[in-house]
């Protein structure tokens, strides 16, 4: 493996060599962040205020409670002991998440196997610093108003539509999810459903249970050679693309962005083109204003007669009444739906859908990512993100926050400052620090359309003064001394 120029002399006193190394590392980090573009949302511009130095990582640090210039009561300026930092985990998130938190030194973990009633949740979240949920718990603006200590939310799933992201961002609360850990599980489910529907297995199975016997090759097909149309070529769509091609399918996809196809997949230019040519159409898109009810009566009738529709994306993407009509009049020969506009809050509630009772429709209770492997991976992925955010302020892959990562500087104190994205905030921070003789050892800034997030390392003896001055900066949402 090649090495960076001058890497064998990193410890020398050569200023030129150090400059080359730091410049190269800065460019490399920029490339890594550039290629880590999420399919659903743009993250904003990356700005390095000072090139990071490559130093040995300090011992994991502990966060204090956030304080705010205008929304929250002033809190401690020193780091809380990890035993006092409360994690509230709901909906039976996988044990792997608990293991990660304990291994990182966090012991105050309250665990619940189900979602909580709203009144109880308001009580529990009041003293929580971190909360972990799946898809049933709804975190609204009203709930966030009850969570004065809350630092971050971990969604142990792909979707984040159960969280009011704007309300969280306005309060300086970062939200993390697991966009990649269950891609294989969802892709396998979709492929299995495609095979079953092409063979007419659901209808034949239901008939046998009623004492019938449908031994016929009518509307029964092999999957090889069939055209698979993927709407949304993200992490799940690409995984499905590879698996389907391995079975001999012809893969086509439609995405609002131009994507590099994997294997022999082909991108088409319009949704209608994909609908009209595909034997099987499968959806893998996020829930946005653009995707809400994107497959309605018009789109379903534009699908190839005798084709199949599969939705394992979001419940608000497909109009189920229109789909039921197309199944009943045999425009489509089958469908598989894993997500619904309204889903039962518990396993004891009644499930209602216009698709119930249709033998050639596979209905599953939102289990696309519900495999032992996927849940274990999700637990690891999200818990590790929460630990990193708590320990050193790393916000990489947050869905509502600017992405920032800065290596720890031994002997320095780190301050995190979340502010409204308005002109002049960073200049004001640097001006105030300079006027008070506070030396900045390292500084990273990242912004999105609403919020700015800056990580600042200062000399230890000035951290209390620096924190006090940060509270006076106009536009401050939250700040804390991390370590």
Protein backbone atom coordinates (compact mmCIF):
# COMPACT_ATOMS: atom_id res chain seq x y z
CA UNK A 1 0.00 0.00 0.00
CA UNK A 2 1.33 3.46 -0.86
CA UNK A 3 1.92 6.03 1.85
CA UNK A 4 1.39 9.75 2.03
CA UNK A 5 4.36 11.84 0.88
CA UNK A 6 6.73 12.29 3.79
CA UNK A 7 4.77 9.92 6.02
CA UNK A 8 8.00 8.34 7.28
CA UNK A 9 9.02 11.72 8.66
CA UNK A 10 5.82 12.83 10.36
CA UNK A 11 7.63 13.22 13.66
CA UNK A 12 10.34 15.47 12.23
CA UNK A 13 10.34 19.18 12.73
CA UNK A 14 9.83 19.87 9.05
CA UNK A 15 7.03 22.42 8.73
CA UNK A 16 6.78 21.73 5.02
CA UNK A 17 6.24 18.01 5.55
CA UNK A 18 3.56 18.61 8.16
CA UNK A 19 1.84 21.10 5.86
CA UNK A 20 1.75 18.57 3.01
CA UNK A 21 0.35 15.87 5.28
CA UNK A 22 -2.32 18.10 6.78
CA UNK A 23 -3.32 19.44 3.38
CA UNK A 24 -3.58 15.92 1.96
CA UNK A 25 -5.61 14.68 4.92
CA UNK A 26 -7.95 17.64 4.69
CA UNK A 27 -8.58 16.94 0.99
CA UNK A 28 -9.11 13.24 1.75
CA UNK A 29 -11.65 14.02 4.48
CA UNK A 30 -13.45 16.34 2.09
CA UNK A 31 -13.65 13.57 -0.51
CA UNK A 32 -15.06 11.13 2.05
CA UNK A 33 -17.76 13.58 3.03
CA UNK A 34 -18.54 14.38 -0.59
CA UNK A 35 -19.15 10.75 -1.56
CA UNK A 36 -21.25 10.14 1.55
CA UNK A 37 -24.27 11.85 -0.03
CA UNK A 38 -27.62 10.62 1.19
CA UNK A 39 -30.29 9.84 -1.38
CA UNK A 40 -33.09 11.71 0.29
CA UNK A 41 -31.66 15.05 1.35
CA UNK A 42 -28.72 17.38 0.76
CA UNK A 43 -26.57 18.06 3.78
CA UNK A 44 -25.29 21.58 2.99
CA UNK A 45 -21.77 22.85 2.47
CA UNK A 46 -18.76 21.68 4.44
CA UNK A 47 -16.39 24.28 5.80
CA UNK A 48 -13.08 23.63 7.52
CA UNK A 49 -12.11 26.62 9.61
CA UNK A 50 -8.77 25.17 10.58
CA UNK A 51 -7.07 22.03 9.21
CA UNK A 52 -7.36 19.19 11.75
CA UNK A 53 -4.22 17.74 13.26
CA UNK A 54 -3.85 13.98 13.35
CA UNK A 55 -3.38 13.17 17.02
CA UNK A 56 -3.95 10.16 19.25
CA UNK A 57 -7.58 9.99 20.34
CA UNK A 58 -8.20 10.99 23.93
CA UNK A 59 -10.14 8.81 26.33
CA UNK A 60 -13.88 8.89 25.59
CA UNK A 61 -15.35 12.00 27.08
CA UNK A 62 -18.71 12.61 28.64
CA UNK A 63 -21.19 15.32 27.74
CA UNK A 64 -22.84 17.82 29.96
CA UNK A 65 -26.44 18.84 29.65
CA UNK A 66 -27.05 21.41 26.94
CA UNK A 67 -27.64 24.98 27.91
CA UNK A 68 -29.19 27.67 25.80
CA UNK A 69 -29.06 31.38 25.38
CA UNK A 70 -32.81 31.88 25.15
CA UNK A 71 -34.81 28.65 25.28
CA UNK A 72 -33.43 26.63 28.19
CA UNK A 73 -32.34 27.17 31.75
CA UNK A 74 -28.60 27.55 32.29
CA UNK A 75 -27.09 24.19 33.30
CA UNK A 76 -23.75 22.82 34.47
CA UNK A 77 -20.70 23.90 32.51
CA UNK A 78 -18.76 20.73 33.22
CA UNK A 79 -19.25 17.27 31.83
CA UNK A 80 -21.76 15.02 33.49
CA UNK A 81 -20.61 11.67 34.74
CA UNK A 82 -21.76 9.03 32.27
CA UNK A 83 -23.73 7.30 35.01
CA UNK A 84 -25.96 10.40 35.19
CA UNK A 85 -26.72 10.53 31.48
CA UNK A 86 -30.10 8.89 30.89
CA UNK A 87 -30.95 6.83 27.82
CA UNK A 88 -34.66 6.05 27.34
CA UNK A 89 -35.06 3.10 24.96
CA UNK A 90 -38.56 2.20 23.75
CA UNK A 91 -40.29 -0.37 21.53
CA UNK A 92 -37.93 -3.22 22.34
CA UNK A 93 -34.88 -1.99 20.44
CA UNK A 94 -32.34 -4.77 20.03
CA UNK A 95 -30.10 -5.79 22.92
CA UNK A 96 -27.08 -4.92 20.78
CA UNK A 97 -27.89 -1.24 21.38
CA UNK A 98 -27.83 -1.73 25.14
CA UNK A 99 -24.53 -3.58 24.86
CA UNK A 100 -22.96 -0.71 22.90
CA UNK A 101 -24.10 1.88 25.44
CA UNK A 102 -22.86 -0.14 28.41
CA UNK A 103 -19.52 -0.83 26.73
CA UNK A 104 -19.12 2.94 26.28
CA UNK A 105 -19.69 3.49 30.00
CA UNK A 106 -23.36 4.51 30.04
CA UNK A 107 -25.30 2.75 32.79
CA UNK A 108 -28.47 4.81 33.23
CA UNK A 109 -30.56 2.98 30.64
CA UNK A 110 -34.35 2.73 30.96
CA UNK A 111 -35.67 0.02 28.64
CA UNK A 112 -39.26 -0.62 27.52
CA UNK A 113 -40.47 -3.36 25.18
CA UNK A 114 -43.38 -1.28 23.86
CA UNK A 115 -44.19 2.31 22.99
CA UNK A 116 -45.54 4.40 25.87
CA UNK A 117 -48.86 6.24 26.17
CA UNK A 118 -48.41 9.96 25.53
CA UNK A 119 -48.89 11.01 29.15
CA UNK A 120 -46.34 8.48 30.41
CA UNK A 121 -43.92 9.38 27.62
CA UNK A 122 -44.05 13.05 28.60
CA UNK A 123 -43.12 12.08 32.14
CA UNK A 124 -40.30 9.73 31.11
CA UNK A 125 -38.75 12.02 28.51
CA UNK A 126 -38.55 14.98 30.90
CA UNK A 127 -35.24 13.84 32.40
CA UNK A 128 -33.88 11.89 29.41
CA UNK A 129 -30.76 13.03 27.56
CA UNK A 130 -31.17 10.51 24.74
CA UNK A 131 -34.21 8.59 23.49
CA UNK A 132 -34.30 5.54 21.22
CA UNK A 133 -37.47 4.64 19.32
CA UNK A 134 -38.69 2.63 16.36
CA UNK A 135 -41.69 3.46 14.16
CA UNK A 136 -44.63 3.59 16.58
CA UNK A 137 -43.54 6.35 18.96
CA UNK A 138 -44.46 9.80 17.66
CA UNK A 139 -42.14 12.57 18.80
CA UNK A 140 -44.06 15.81 18.30
CA UNK A 141 -43.27 19.43 19.05
CA UNK A 142 -45.40 19.14 22.19
CA UNK A 143 -43.30 16.22 23.41
CA UNK A 144 -40.05 18.04 22.67
CA UNK A 145 -41.30 20.92 24.82
CA UNK A 146 -41.36 18.44 27.70
CA UNK A 147 -37.82 17.25 26.99
CA UNK A 148 -35.65 20.11 28.23
CA UNK A 149 -32.59 17.89 28.69
CA UNK A 150 -32.88 15.94 25.44
CA UNK A 151 -29.68 15.93 23.37
CA UNK A 152 -30.47 13.49 20.57
CA UNK A 153 -33.00 11.02 19.17
CA UNK A 154 -32.05 7.62 17.82
CA UNK A 155 -34.53 6.11 15.35
CA UNK A 156 -33.75 2.39 15.29
CA UNK A 157 -35.18 2.03 11.79
CA UNK A 158 -34.85 3.66 8.37
CA UNK A 159 -37.74 6.12 8.48
CA UNK A 160 -37.84 9.30 10.55
CA UNK A 161 -41.34 10.50 9.65
CA UNK A 162 -42.44 9.68 13.22
CA UNK A 163 -40.26 12.55 14.45
CA UNK A 164 -40.97 16.25 13.98
CA UNK A 165 -37.54 16.97 12.53
CA UNK A 166 -38.07 20.72 12.34
CA UNK A 167 -39.09 20.94 15.98
CA UNK A 168 -36.07 18.86 16.97
CA UNK A 169 -33.69 21.00 14.93
CA UNK A 170 -35.11 24.25 16.32
CA UNK A 171 -34.33 22.95 19.82
CA UNK A 172 -30.84 21.78 18.93
CA UNK A 173 -31.76 18.08 19.12
CA UNK A 174 -29.94 15.86 16.63
CA UNK A 175 -31.80 12.91 15.07
CA UNK A 176 -30.06 9.76 13.84
CA UNK A 177 -31.38 6.68 12.04
CA UNK A 178 -30.18 3.46 10.40
CA UNK A 179 -30.47 3.90 6.63
CA UNK A 180 -28.32 0.91 5.69
CA UNK A 181 -28.53 -1.87 8.29
CA UNK A 182 -31.73 -3.53 7.07
CA UNK A 183 -31.31 -3.14 3.32
CA UNK A 184 -30.64 -6.83 2.79
CA UNK A 185 -33.70 -7.87 4.79
CA UNK A 186 -36.06 -5.59 2.85
CA UNK A 187 -34.57 -6.59 -0.51
CA UNK A 188 -34.94 -10.30 0.29
CA UNK A 189 -38.59 -9.83 1.32
CA UNK A 190 -39.42 -7.98 -1.90
CA UNK A 191 -37.72 -10.61 -4.04
CA UNK A 192 -39.48 -13.45 -2.21
CA UNK A 193 -42.85 -11.74 -2.67
CA UNK A 194 -42.15 -11.24 -6.36
CA UNK A 195 -41.49 -14.96 -6.84
CA UNK A 196 -44.60 -15.97 -4.87
CA UNK A 197 -46.86 -13.55 -6.76
CA UNK A 198 -45.52 -14.57 -10.17
CA UNK A 199 -46.40 -18.17 -9.34
CA UNK A 200 -49.80 -17.25 -7.90
CA UNK A 201 -48.87 -18.89 -4.59
CA UNK A 202 -50.92 -16.61 -2.27
CA UNK A 203 -54.16 -17.39 -4.11
CA UNK A 204 -53.40 -21.13 -4.36
CA UNK A 205 -52.42 -21.24 -0.68
CA UNK A 206 -55.65 -19.54 0.40
CA UNK A 207 -57.70 -21.91 -1.76
CA UNK A 208 -56.06 -24.98 -0.22
CA UNK A 209 -56.81 -23.69 3.28
CA UNK A 210 -60.47 -23.47 2.28
CA UNK A 211 -60.45 -26.99 0.85
CA UNK A 212 -59.95 -25.92 -2.78
CA UNK A 213 -57.47 -27.23 -5.33
CA UNK A 214 -56.16 -24.87 -8.06
CA UNK A 215 -53.75 -27.01 -10.07
CA UNK A 216 -53.11 -24.81 -13.10
CA UNK A 217 -50.28 -23.03 -14.89
CA UNK A 218 -52.50 -20.07 -15.74
CA UNK A 219 -50.94 -16.79 -14.54
CA UNK A 220 -47.96 -18.73 -13.18
CA UNK A 221 -44.55 -17.55 -14.40
CA UNK A 222 -40.83 -17.95 -13.81
CA UNK A 223 -38.96 -14.90 -12.56
CA UNK A 224 -36.12 -15.32 -15.06
CA UNK A 225 -36.36 -12.84 -17.90
CA UNK A 226 -39.02 -10.68 -16.26
CA UNK A 227 -38.62 -6.91 -16.08
CA UNK A 228 -38.23 -5.48 -12.59
CA UNK A 229 -38.97 -1.77 -12.25
CA UNK A 230 -37.45 -0.14 -9.16
CA UNK A 231 -38.70 3.28 -8.07
CA UNK A 232 -35.99 4.82 -5.90
CA UNK A 233 -32.44 3.58 -6.52
CA UNK A 234 -31.02 4.06 -3.04
CA UNK A 235 -29.47 1.57 -0.66
CA UNK A 236 -32.39 -0.87 -0.80
CA UNK A 237 -33.09 -0.35 -4.48
CA UNK A 238 -29.49 -1.07 -5.44
CA UNK A 239 -29.31 -4.16 -3.21
CA UNK A 240 -32.51 -5.49 -4.78
CA UNK A 241 -31.12 -4.70 -8.22
CA UNK A 242 -28.09 -6.92 -7.66
CA UNK A 243 -30.11 -9.81 -6.21
CA UNK A 244 -32.72 -9.69 -8.96
CA UNK A 245 -30.14 -9.65 -11.73
CA UNK A 246 -28.58 -12.74 -10.19
CA UNK A 247 -31.88 -14.53 -10.81
CA UNK A 248 -31.91 -13.52 -14.45
CA UNK A 249 -34.25 -10.53 -14.23
CA UNK A 250 -33.95 -7.46 -16.43
CA UNK A 251 -33.63 -4.52 -14.04
CA UNK A 252 -34.80 -0.98 -14.76
CA UNK A 253 -35.05 1.89 -12.31
CA UNK A 254 -36.42 5.40 -12.00
CA UNK A 255 -34.92 8.00 -9.67
CA UNK A 256 -35.16 11.77 -9.49
CA UNK A 257 -31.35 11.87 -9.51
CA UNK A 258 -29.04 10.43 -12.13
CA UNK A 259 -27.52 7.31 -10.56
CA UNK A 260 -24.70 4.99 -11.54
CA UNK A 261 -26.37 1.63 -12.33
CA UNK A 262 -25.05 -1.53 -10.71
CA UNK A 263 -24.51 -4.50 -13.00
CA UNK A 264 -26.66 -4.29 -16.12
CA UNK A 265 -29.45 -2.20 -14.59
CA UNK A 266 -30.81 0.61 -16.77
CA UNK A 267 -32.13 3.98 -15.62
CA UNK A 268 -35.24 5.23 -17.41
CA UNK A 269 -36.16 8.87 -17.84
CA UNK A 270 -39.71 8.93 -16.50
CA UNK A 271 -41.98 7.20 -14.02
CA UNK A 272 -44.61 6.45 -16.66
CA UNK A 273 -42.01 4.77 -18.85
CA UNK A 274 -41.06 2.47 -15.99
CA UNK A 275 -44.67 1.69 -15.10
CA UNK A 276 -45.59 0.80 -18.66
CA UNK A 277 -42.71 -1.61 -19.28
CA UNK A 278 -42.28 -3.48 -15.98
CA UNK A 279 -43.69 -6.88 -15.03
CA UNK A 280 -43.07 -6.04 -11.37
CA UNK A 281 -42.94 -2.52 -9.93
CA UNK A 282 -41.44 -2.05 -6.46
CA UNK A 283 -41.18 1.17 -4.45
CA UNK A 284 -38.18 2.23 -2.35
CA UNK A 285 -38.60 5.95 -1.70
CA UNK A 286 -38.71 8.12 1.44
CA UNK A 287 -41.86 9.85 2.65
CA UNK A 288 -41.79 13.40 1.30
CA UNK A 289 -44.31 15.83 -0.15
CA UNK A 290 -43.20 14.66 -3.60
CA UNK A 291 -43.70 10.95 -2.91
CA UNK A 292 -47.00 11.19 -1.03
CA UNK A 293 -49.63 9.26 -3.02
CA UNK A 294 -47.28 9.14 -6.00
CA UNK A 295 -48.91 5.87 -7.09
CA UNK A 296 -52.61 6.60 -7.49
CA UNK A 297 -55.38 5.63 -9.89
CA UNK A 298 -53.66 7.22 -12.90
CA UNK A 299 -50.29 5.59 -12.24
CA UNK A 300 -51.77 2.16 -11.50
CA UNK A 301 -53.71 2.22 -14.76
CA UNK A 302 -50.48 3.19 -16.53
CA UNK A 303 -48.91 -0.05 -15.34
CA UNK A 304 -48.59 -2.98 -17.70
CA UNK A 305 -51.75 -5.15 -17.64
CA UNK A 306 -51.12 -8.30 -15.66
CA UNK A 307 -48.21 -6.81 -13.72
CA UNK A 308 -47.49 -6.75 -9.97
CA UNK A 309 -47.05 -3.87 -7.50
CA UNK A 310 -44.94 -4.14 -4.33
CA UNK A 311 -44.60 -1.43 -1.67
CA UNK A 312 -42.15 -1.86 1.20
CA UNK A 313 -41.27 1.84 1.38
CA UNK A 314 -43.76 4.16 3.07
CA UNK A 315 -47.48 3.78 3.77
CA UNK A 316 -48.43 7.10 2.18
CA UNK A 317 -46.90 6.32 -1.21
CA UNK A 318 -49.69 4.14 -2.70
CA UNK A 319 -53.44 4.83 -2.79
CA UNK A 320 -54.76 1.50 -1.53
CA UNK A 321 -58.36 1.99 -2.69
CA UNK A 322 -57.16 2.44 -6.27
CA UNK A 323 -54.90 -0.59 -5.89
CA UNK A 324 -57.78 -2.71 -4.57
CA UNK A 325 -59.91 -1.76 -7.58
CA UNK A 326 -57.10 -2.73 -9.98
CA UNK A 327 -56.73 -6.11 -8.29
CA UNK A 328 -60.47 -6.80 -8.36
CA UNK A 329 -60.84 -6.00 -12.07
CA UNK A 330 -57.66 -7.99 -12.83
CA UNK A 331 -55.68 -5.10 -14.28
CA UNK A 332 -52.97 -6.27 -11.88
CA UNK A 333 -52.51 -9.95 -11.08
CA UNK A 334 -51.14 -9.35 -7.61
CA UNK A 335 -49.63 -7.01 -5.05
CA UNK A 336 -47.61 -7.09 -1.85
CA UNK A 337 -47.90 -4.32 0.76
CA UNK A 338 -45.76 -4.10 3.90
CA UNK A 339 -46.52 -0.50 4.94
CA UNK A 340 -49.84 1.28 5.39
CA UNK A 341 -51.18 4.84 5.82
CA UNK A 342 -52.54 3.94 9.24
CA UNK A 343 -50.98 1.07 11.17
CA UNK A 344 -52.10 -0.51 14.47
CA UNK A 345 -50.27 0.90 17.48
CA UNK A 346 -49.94 -2.56 19.02
CA UNK A 347 -50.34 -6.22 18.13
CA UNK A 348 -53.69 -6.20 19.95
CA UNK A 349 -55.29 -3.55 17.71
CA UNK A 350 -57.41 -4.40 14.66
CA UNK A 351 -55.76 -4.00 11.25
CA UNK A 352 -58.02 -2.38 8.64
CA UNK A 353 -57.33 -2.18 4.90
CA UNK A 354 -59.32 -2.25 1.62
CA UNK A 355 -56.94 -5.03 0.54
CA UNK A 356 -58.07 -7.48 3.18
CA UNK A 357 -59.73 -10.57 1.75
CA UNK A 358 -58.00 -10.38 -1.65
CA UNK A 359 -56.28 -13.74 -2.09
CA UNK A 360 -53.66 -12.53 -4.57
CA UNK A 361 -52.43 -9.73 -2.28
CA UNK A 362 -49.70 -10.36 0.30
CA UNK A 363 -50.20 -8.21 3.40
CA UNK A 364 -47.39 -8.07 5.96
CA UNK A 365 -47.29 -6.02 9.21
CA UNK A 366 -44.40 -3.65 8.42
CA UNK A 367 -41.74 -6.34 8.79
CA UNK A 368 -39.40 -5.44 5.93
CA UNK A 369 -36.53 -4.90 8.34
CA UNK A 370 -37.76 -7.28 11.03
CA UNK A 371 -35.12 -9.97 10.93
CA UNK A 372 -32.77 -10.92 13.74
CA UNK A 373 -29.78 -9.88 11.66
CA UNK A 374 -31.22 -6.52 10.64
CA UNK A 375 -32.34 -5.58 14.13
CA UNK A 376 -28.96 -6.46 15.61
CA UNK A 377 -27.21 -4.35 12.97
CA UNK A 378 -29.63 -1.46 13.50
CA UNK A 379 -29.00 -1.58 17.24
CA UNK A 380 -25.26 -1.34 16.66
CA UNK A 381 -25.45 1.38 14.02
CA UNK A 382 -27.74 3.80 15.85
CA UNK A 383 -26.27 3.25 19.32
CA UNK A 384 -22.76 3.89 17.99
CA UNK A 385 -23.94 7.16 16.43
CA UNK A 386 -25.46 8.27 19.73
CA UNK A 387 -22.28 7.38 21.62
CA UNK A 388 -20.11 9.32 19.17
CA UNK A 389 -22.38 12.35 19.38
CA UNK A 390 -22.35 12.17 23.17
CA UNK A 391 -18.62 11.51 23.50
CA UNK A 392 -17.09 13.92 20.98
CA UNK A 393 -19.88 15.82 19.23
CA UNK A 394 -19.70 13.91 15.94
CA UNK A 395 -22.93 14.50 14.03
CA UNK A 396 -22.05 12.60 10.84
CA UNK A 397 -25.17 11.01 9.25
CA UNK A 398 -27.66 13.00 11.33
CA UNK A 399 -30.85 13.52 9.32
CA UNK A 400 -31.65 17.03 10.60
CA UNK A 401 -28.26 18.39 11.62
CA UNK A 402 -25.13 19.62 9.85
CA UNK A 403 -22.46 16.90 9.75
CA UNK A 404 -19.35 17.69 11.79
CA UNK A 405 -16.44 15.54 12.96
CA UNK A 406 -13.25 16.81 14.61
CA UNK A 407 -10.50 14.63 16.12
CA UNK A 408 -10.04 15.05 19.87
CA UNK A 409 -7.18 17.30 21.03
CA UNK A 410 -5.62 16.06 24.30
CA UNK A 411 -5.38 18.77 26.92
CA UNK A 412 -8.06 20.89 25.29
CA UNK A 413 -11.70 21.44 26.17
CA UNK A 414 -14.33 21.04 23.47
CA UNK A 415 -17.34 23.29 23.12
CA UNK A 416 -20.32 22.58 20.88
CA UNK A 417 -22.37 25.51 19.63
CA UNK A 418 -25.65 25.16 17.77
CA UNK A 419 -27.03 28.34 16.28
CA UNK A 420 -29.44 29.73 13.75
CA UNK A 421 -27.90 29.82 10.28
CA UNK A 422 -27.67 33.58 10.02
CA UNK A 423 -24.73 35.66 8.74
CA UNK A 424 -22.01 36.65 11.15
CA UNK A 425 -22.37 34.06 13.93
CA UNK A 426 -18.96 32.46 13.41
CA UNK A 427 -17.29 35.85 13.06
CA UNK A 428 -18.91 36.96 16.31
CA UNK A 429 -17.70 33.81 18.09
CA UNK A 430 -14.13 34.36 16.94
CA UNK A 431 -14.30 38.07 17.77
CA UNK A 432 -15.56 37.44 21.32
CA UNK A 433 -12.94 34.77 21.92
CA UNK A 434 -10.16 37.02 20.63
CA UNK A 435 -11.28 39.92 22.82
CA UNK A 436 -11.14 37.67 25.88
CA UNK A 437 -7.79 36.07 25.05
CA UNK A 438 -9.28 32.63 24.41
CA UNK A 439 -7.08 30.63 22.06
CA UNK A 440 -8.87 28.36 19.56
CA UNK A 441 -6.92 25.14 18.96
CA UNK A 442 -9.33 23.66 16.43
CA UNK A 443 -12.63 24.62 14.88
CA UNK A 444 -15.05 22.97 12.45
CA UNK A 445 -18.25 24.52 11.09
CA UNK A 446 -21.05 22.92 9.12
CA UNK A 447 -24.40 24.41 8.17
CA UNK A 448 -27.65 23.38 6.56
CA UNK A 449 -30.50 25.61 5.46
CA UNK A 450 -31.62 26.34 9.02
CA UNK A 451 -28.90 25.53 11.53
CA UNK A 452 -25.18 26.03 12.02
CA UNK A 453 -23.13 23.64 14.16
CA UNK A 454 -19.59 24.50 15.19
CA UNK A 455 -17.17 22.40 17.24
CA UNK A 456 -14.50 24.45 19.02
CA UNK A 457 -11.44 23.23 20.94
CA UNK A 458 -9.94 25.74 23.39
CA UNK A 459 -7.27 25.74 26.09
CA UNK A 460 -8.67 23.99 29.17
CA UNK A 461 -8.27 26.94 31.54
CA UNK A 462 -10.57 29.08 29.39
CA UNK A 463 -13.48 26.66 28.87
CA UNK A 464 -15.79 28.17 31.52
CA UNK A 465 -15.27 31.67 30.18
CA UNK A 466 -15.71 30.48 26.61
CA UNK A 467 -18.99 28.75 27.47
CA UNK A 468 -20.31 31.86 29.18
CA UNK A 469 -19.42 34.01 26.18
CA UNK A 470 -21.04 31.57 23.75
CA UNK A 471 -24.35 32.02 25.55
CA UNK A 472 -24.28 35.71 24.66
CA UNK A 473 -23.89 35.18 20.92
CA UNK A 474 -26.95 36.25 18.94
CA UNK A 475 -28.72 33.29 17.33
CA UNK A 476 -27.52 30.74 19.89
CA UNK A 477 -29.83 27.72 20.20
CA UNK A 478 -27.71 25.50 22.46
CA UNK A 479 -24.15 25.05 23.58
CA UNK A 480 -22.21 22.82 25.95
CA UNK A 481 -18.74 22.05 27.19
CA UNK A 482 -18.13 18.50 26.06
CA UNK A 483 -14.84 17.68 27.81
